[in-house]
Amino acid sequence: MKVTRWGAAEFLVRAAYIVALFPFILLSRLPHWLLLATVGRCCYFFTYSIIRYRYQVVLQNLSRAFPEKPYAAIDALAKDFYWHFACLMVEIIQSVSISKQQLAGRIHVANADLLKHYHSQAKPMIAILGHYGNWESLHILPTKLSLPVNALYKPLSNRLLCRMVRHIRSRFGMQLIPAEKAARLLMKAEGEAALSLFIADQFPGWHKGHPMELLHQPTTLFAGAEKLAKAIDAVVFYAELQRDGSNGWNVHFSLITDQARETMDGQITRCFGERLQETIRRAPAYWLWSHKRWK
């Protein structure tokens, strides 16, 4: 009886998932320019002008990050962020059904040879990045780099949304690792030349992470990537996305260290924070300013 009930429940979840996914599949088939002109502009108008989605959080974050800028400049940056947010939603919708060839044409890895060099040495690799640009587009990396790519993720409480996100992220061969299992699984696979992606700019919680100043504010950053890099002696990179046209991104990997175990405590995390800060200052609109990082 228990098996039957579980099977019925799973069937209902899958049926609900298909029903929920169907509208996104239809939308994702539209040309990019049309989707941007309709869904994108509606999303921008709704989040910026109607519900003012986390508007006070965005303004406060921008004002504290750029204290030298007048209010008019901060407001202009806020508008740019909400437009980027709308474009990001469009790109995520398209990722439901976009072909490998289409997405590969939009994402360009500037220095893939650097990763291939360490892959040829059978070195485990870790790339640390922030919520900048379209980080979701990186699920195409296994086809661009021709090497195993893992991504850490935190399972969502909503089962339908979690299933959709996992579908998008794993379509082109990326292996998803639940964050709470990352240390055990990657240490077990020590010596395998895979690239693991860590997003490390969230608020880690009180009295957790590595303290530093980021954009003029006392900040703590996740130190999990650094701890794991030292445990498996991984090569560590900073991954940066730069906008390329209306729907493309250039991905650039820069070396933080190829001797993680030799670094001082906090050195890797601090280096990541400094490079992320440089990226944000060059083009602020593409960072996720709506996130409550400074609490």
Protein backbone atom coordinates (compact mmCIF):
# COMPACT_ATOMS: atom_id res chain seq x y z
CA MET A 1 0.00 0.00 0.00
CA LYS A 2 2.83 2.37 0.83
CA VAL A 3 4.42 1.75 -2.56
CA THR A 4 1.11 2.43 -4.29
CA ARG A 5 0.60 5.69 -2.43
CA TRP A 6 4.15 6.80 -3.19
CA GLY A 7 3.66 5.93 -6.86
CA ALA A 8 0.42 7.91 -7.02
CA ALA A 9 2.01 10.89 -5.32
CA GLU A 10 4.97 10.81 -7.68
CA PHE A 11 2.64 10.57 -10.66
CA LEU A 12 0.73 13.65 -9.47
CA VAL A 13 3.96 15.60 -8.99
CA ARG A 14 5.14 14.69 -12.50
CA ALA A 15 1.76 15.56 -14.00
CA ALA A 16 1.74 18.91 -12.22
CA TYR A 17 5.31 19.52 -13.38
CA ILE A 18 4.38 18.90 -17.03
CA VAL A 19 1.35 21.19 -16.77
CA ALA A 20 3.43 23.93 -15.12
CA LEU A 21 6.27 23.57 -17.62
CA PHE A 22 4.09 23.61 -20.74
CA PRO A 23 3.51 27.44 -20.86
CA PHE A 24 7.25 28.04 -20.42
CA ILE A 25 8.00 25.64 -23.28
CA LEU A 26 5.62 27.57 -25.54
CA LEU A 27 7.12 30.92 -24.53
CA SER A 28 10.67 29.63 -24.91
CA ARG A 29 10.02 28.87 -28.58
CA LEU A 30 9.42 32.54 -29.41
CA PRO A 31 12.24 34.52 -31.08
CA HIS A 32 14.45 36.30 -28.58
CA TRP A 33 13.55 39.78 -29.83
CA LEU A 34 9.82 39.05 -29.54
CA LEU A 35 10.14 37.52 -26.09
CA LEU A 36 12.19 40.52 -24.96
CA ALA A 37 9.68 43.00 -26.41
CA THR A 38 6.74 41.29 -24.71
CA VAL A 39 7.63 39.26 -21.62
CA GLY A 40 10.81 41.24 -20.97
CA ARG A 41 9.17 44.65 -21.06
CA CYS A 42 6.19 43.41 -19.02
CA CYS A 43 8.55 41.96 -16.43
CA TYR A 44 10.48 45.24 -16.25
CA PHE A 45 7.32 47.34 -15.96
CA PHE A 46 5.79 45.04 -13.36
CA THR A 47 8.88 44.67 -11.12
CA TYR A 48 10.07 48.29 -11.38
CA SER A 49 6.91 50.36 -11.76
CA ILE A 50 4.06 48.32 -10.26
CA ILE A 51 5.11 46.12 -7.34
CA ARG A 52 8.55 47.80 -6.94
CA TYR A 53 10.11 44.41 -6.25
CA ARG A 54 12.57 44.88 -3.36
CA TYR A 55 13.06 48.44 -4.56
CA GLN A 56 14.19 49.74 -1.16
CA VAL A 57 16.70 46.89 -0.88
CA VAL A 58 18.09 47.68 -4.35
CA LEU A 59 18.37 51.42 -3.62
CA GLN A 60 19.96 50.86 -0.24
CA ASN A 61 22.50 48.37 -1.61
CA LEU A 62 23.43 50.65 -4.51
CA SER A 63 23.66 53.77 -2.32
CA ARG A 64 25.97 52.08 0.16
CA ALA A 65 28.08 50.49 -2.57
CA PHE A 66 28.52 53.78 -4.46
CA PRO A 67 28.40 56.53 -1.81
CA GLU A 68 30.07 58.97 -4.20
CA LYS A 69 27.18 58.85 -6.69
CA PRO A 70 24.25 61.32 -6.51
CA TYR A 71 20.68 60.06 -6.18
CA ALA A 72 19.97 60.50 -9.90
CA ALA A 73 22.88 58.20 -10.78
CA ILE A 74 21.75 55.62 -8.21
CA ASP A 75 18.21 55.70 -9.60
CA ALA A 76 19.59 55.23 -13.13
CA LEU A 77 21.61 52.21 -11.95
CA ALA A 78 18.47 50.80 -10.32
CA LYS A 79 16.58 51.08 -13.62
CA ASP A 80 19.45 49.39 -15.44
CA PHE A 81 19.40 46.58 -12.90
CA TYR A 82 15.64 46.00 -13.30
CA TRP A 83 16.03 45.88 -17.07
CA HIS A 84 18.87 43.36 -16.71
CA PHE A 85 16.65 41.36 -14.33
CA ALA A 86 13.91 41.31 -17.00
CA CYS A 87 16.42 40.20 -19.65
CA LEU A 88 17.66 37.51 -17.28
CA MET A 89 14.11 36.19 -16.87
CA VAL A 90 13.77 36.02 -20.67
CA GLU A 91 17.05 34.11 -21.03
CA ILE A 92 16.04 31.67 -18.28
CA ILE A 93 12.67 31.06 -19.96
CA GLN A 94 14.44 30.36 -23.24
CA SER A 95 16.80 27.93 -21.52
CA VAL A 96 13.87 25.54 -20.99
CA SER A 97 14.03 24.43 -24.61
CA ILE A 98 16.97 26.21 -26.25
CA SER A 99 19.12 23.93 -28.38
CA LYS A 100 22.73 23.15 -27.58
CA GLN A 101 23.83 24.90 -30.77
CA GLN A 102 21.88 28.07 -29.98
CA LEU A 103 23.14 28.40 -26.43
CA ALA A 104 26.70 27.51 -27.42
CA GLY A 105 26.53 30.36 -29.93
CA ARG A 106 25.61 32.81 -27.18
CA ILE A 107 28.21 31.74 -24.61
CA HIS A 108 31.88 32.23 -25.39
CA VAL A 109 34.68 31.01 -23.12
CA ALA A 110 37.53 33.47 -23.53
CA ASN A 111 40.36 31.24 -22.26
CA ALA A 112 39.29 27.61 -22.32
CA ASP A 113 42.92 26.58 -22.87
CA LEU A 114 43.71 27.56 -19.27
CA LEU A 115 41.25 24.99 -17.92
CA LYS A 116 42.29 22.37 -20.46
CA HIS A 117 45.91 22.82 -19.34
CA TYR A 118 45.09 21.82 -15.77
CA HIS A 119 42.65 19.17 -16.93
CA SER A 120 45.48 17.51 -18.85
CA GLN A 121 47.40 17.34 -15.56
CA ALA A 122 44.45 15.55 -13.90
CA LYS A 123 44.02 18.42 -11.45
CA PRO A 124 40.64 18.98 -9.76
CA MET A 125 39.40 22.51 -10.43
CA ILE A 126 37.08 24.88 -8.60
CA ALA A 127 35.64 28.06 -10.12
CA ILE A 128 34.13 30.63 -7.76
CA LEU A 129 31.63 33.18 -9.06
CA GLY A 130 28.92 35.54 -7.92
CA HIS A 131 25.31 36.18 -8.87
CA TYR A 132 26.49 38.31 -11.78
CA GLY A 133 25.35 38.27 -15.39
CA ASN A 134 23.48 35.12 -16.38
CA TRP A 135 25.10 32.52 -14.17
CA GLU A 136 22.41 30.04 -15.23
CA SER A 137 23.81 30.02 -18.77
CA LEU A 138 26.94 28.26 -17.53
CA HIS A 139 25.18 24.90 -17.77
CA ILE A 140 26.45 24.83 -21.38
CA LEU A 141 30.08 24.58 -20.15
CA PRO A 142 30.38 20.77 -20.41
CA THR A 143 29.93 21.07 -24.19
CA LYS A 144 32.19 24.14 -24.49
CA LEU A 145 35.07 22.75 -22.44
CA SER A 146 34.86 19.00 -23.18
CA LEU A 147 35.52 18.14 -19.55
CA PRO A 148 33.29 17.14 -16.62
CA VAL A 149 31.57 20.10 -14.95
CA ASN A 150 29.78 20.04 -11.60
CA ALA A 151 27.59 22.73 -10.06
CA LEU A 152 26.62 23.03 -6.44
CA TYR A 153 23.01 23.87 -5.77
CA LYS A 154 20.67 24.26 -2.84
CA PRO A 155 17.45 22.28 -3.38
CA LEU A 156 14.36 24.51 -3.37
CA SER A 157 11.46 23.87 -1.03
CA ASN A 158 9.00 24.04 -3.95
CA ARG A 159 9.26 20.61 -5.62
CA LEU A 160 7.93 21.77 -9.01
CA LEU A 161 10.28 24.75 -9.20
CA CYS A 162 13.19 22.63 -7.99
CA ARG A 163 12.50 20.04 -10.70
CA MET A 164 12.35 22.76 -13.36
CA VAL A 165 15.63 24.32 -12.24
CA ARG A 166 17.34 20.92 -12.20
CA HIS A 167 16.00 20.21 -15.70
CA ILE A 168 17.45 23.46 -17.03
CA ARG A 169 20.83 23.09 -15.33
CA SER A 170 21.43 19.47 -16.31
CA ARG A 171 20.26 19.55 -19.95
CA PHE A 172 23.75 19.63 -21.45
CA GLY A 173 25.62 17.29 -19.15
CA MET A 174 26.29 19.36 -16.04
CA GLN A 175 26.33 17.25 -12.88
CA LEU A 176 24.36 18.81 -10.01
CA ILE A 177 25.59 18.32 -6.45
CA PRO A 178 23.45 19.28 -3.44
CA ALA A 179 25.45 21.77 -1.37
CA GLU A 180 25.17 19.73 1.82
CA LYS A 181 26.76 16.72 0.07
CA ALA A 182 29.45 18.61 -1.85
CA ALA A 183 32.33 18.10 0.56
CA ARG A 184 31.79 14.36 0.89
CA LEU A 185 31.26 13.74 -2.84
CA LEU A 186 34.12 15.91 -4.11
CA MET A 187 36.58 14.63 -1.53
CA LYS A 188 35.58 11.10 -2.51
CA ALA A 189 36.35 12.04 -6.12
CA GLU A 190 39.71 13.66 -5.25
CA GLY A 191 42.10 13.29 -8.15
CA GLU A 192 39.42 13.45 -10.83
CA ALA A 193 39.98 16.34 -13.24
CA ALA A 194 36.53 17.93 -13.08
CA LEU A 195 35.53 21.60 -12.81
CA SER A 196 33.18 22.46 -9.95
CA LEU A 197 31.28 25.75 -9.89
CA PHE A 198 30.59 27.55 -6.61
CA ILE A 199 28.41 30.66 -6.29
CA ALA A 200 29.80 32.29 -3.16
CA ASP A 201 28.39 35.80 -2.74
CA GLN A 202 25.24 34.98 -0.73
CA PHE A 203 24.84 35.96 2.91
CA PRO A 204 26.26 32.92 4.78
CA GLY A 205 24.57 33.68 8.09
CA TRP A 206 25.68 35.43 11.23
CA HIS A 207 29.19 34.60 12.47
CA LYS A 208 29.82 32.40 9.43
CA GLY A 209 32.09 32.75 6.43
CA HIS A 210 35.13 34.99 5.92
CA PRO A 211 34.85 38.69 6.90
CA MET A 212 36.04 41.41 4.52
CA GLU A 213 34.98 44.78 3.17
CA LEU A 214 33.03 44.53 -0.07
CA LEU A 215 31.80 47.68 -1.82
CA HIS A 216 32.38 49.84 1.28
CA GLN A 217 30.46 47.50 3.55
CA PRO A 218 31.50 44.92 6.17
CA THR A 219 30.69 41.61 4.53
CA THR A 220 31.03 37.90 5.16
CA LEU A 221 31.53 35.58 2.20
CA PHE A 222 31.08 31.83 2.03
CA ALA A 223 34.35 30.09 2.78
CA GLY A 224 33.16 26.62 1.76
CA ALA A 225 34.81 26.73 -1.67
CA GLU A 226 38.15 27.63 -0.10
CA LYS A 227 37.92 24.88 2.53
CA LEU A 228 37.09 22.30 -0.09
CA ALA A 229 39.83 23.56 -2.44
CA LYS A 230 42.38 23.05 0.31
CA ALA A 231 41.01 19.63 1.20
CA ILE A 232 41.42 18.31 -2.36
CA ASP A 233 44.29 20.66 -3.35
CA ALA A 234 42.30 22.02 -6.28
CA VAL A 235 43.22 24.66 -8.81
CA VAL A 236 41.01 27.67 -8.05
CA PHE A 237 39.67 30.16 -10.60
CA TYR A 238 37.52 33.24 -10.51
CA ALA A 239 34.79 33.06 -13.17
CA GLU A 240 33.57 36.35 -14.64
CA LEU A 241 30.72 36.94 -17.09
CA GLN A 242 30.66 39.95 -19.39
CA ARG A 243 27.71 40.98 -21.55
CA ASP A 244 28.20 40.32 -25.29
CA GLY A 245 25.39 41.76 -27.39
CA SER A 246 21.73 41.56 -26.41
CA ASN A 247 21.66 37.91 -25.35
CA GLY A 248 25.24 36.66 -25.22
CA TRP A 249 27.90 36.35 -22.52
CA ASN A 250 31.66 36.05 -22.50
CA VAL A 251 33.03 33.83 -19.73
CA HIS A 252 36.55 34.48 -18.49
CA PHE A 253 38.43 32.32 -16.00
CA SER A 254 41.32 33.89 -14.08
CA LEU A 255 43.64 31.88 -11.86
CA ILE A 256 43.46 32.49 -8.12
CA THR A 257 45.88 29.72 -7.17
CA ASP A 258 47.08 26.32 -8.36
CA GLN A 259 48.43 25.48 -4.90
CA ALA A 260 45.39 25.82 -2.66
CA ARG A 261 46.95 24.02 0.29
CA GLU A 262 49.80 26.53 0.38
CA THR A 263 47.55 29.58 0.74
CA MET A 264 46.82 31.37 4.02
CA ASP A 265 43.40 31.04 5.64
CA GLY A 266 40.96 33.41 3.96
CA GLN A 267 43.30 34.23 1.06
CA ILE A 268 41.23 32.46 -1.63
CA THR A 269 37.91 33.84 -0.40
CA ARG A 270 39.31 37.35 -0.07
CA CYS A 271 40.79 37.20 -3.58
CA PHE A 272 37.42 36.11 -4.95
CA GLY A 273 35.72 39.03 -3.17
CA GLU A 274 38.23 41.56 -4.52
CA ARG A 275 37.84 40.33 -8.11
CA LEU A 276 34.05 40.25 -7.82
CA GLN A 277 34.17 43.83 -6.57
CA GLU A 278 36.21 44.88 -9.61
CA THR A 279 33.71 43.17 -11.91
CA ILE A 280 30.76 44.91 -10.26
CA ARG A 281 32.37 48.34 -10.39
CA ARG A 282 33.02 48.00 -14.13
CA ALA A 283 29.36 47.21 -14.94
CA PRO A 284 27.17 47.42 -11.81
CA ALA A 285 23.78 46.67 -13.40
CA TYR A 286 24.51 42.96 -13.88
CA TRP A 287 24.86 42.05 -10.19
CA LEU A 288 21.86 40.80 -8.22
CA TRP A 289 21.23 43.94 -6.16
CA SER A 290 17.86 42.67 -4.90
CA HIS A 291 19.57 40.10 -2.66
CA LYS A 292 19.76 40.97 1.05
CA ARG A 293 23.49 40.38 1.50
CA TRP A 294 24.06 43.04 4.14
CA LYS A 295 21.69 42.36 7.03
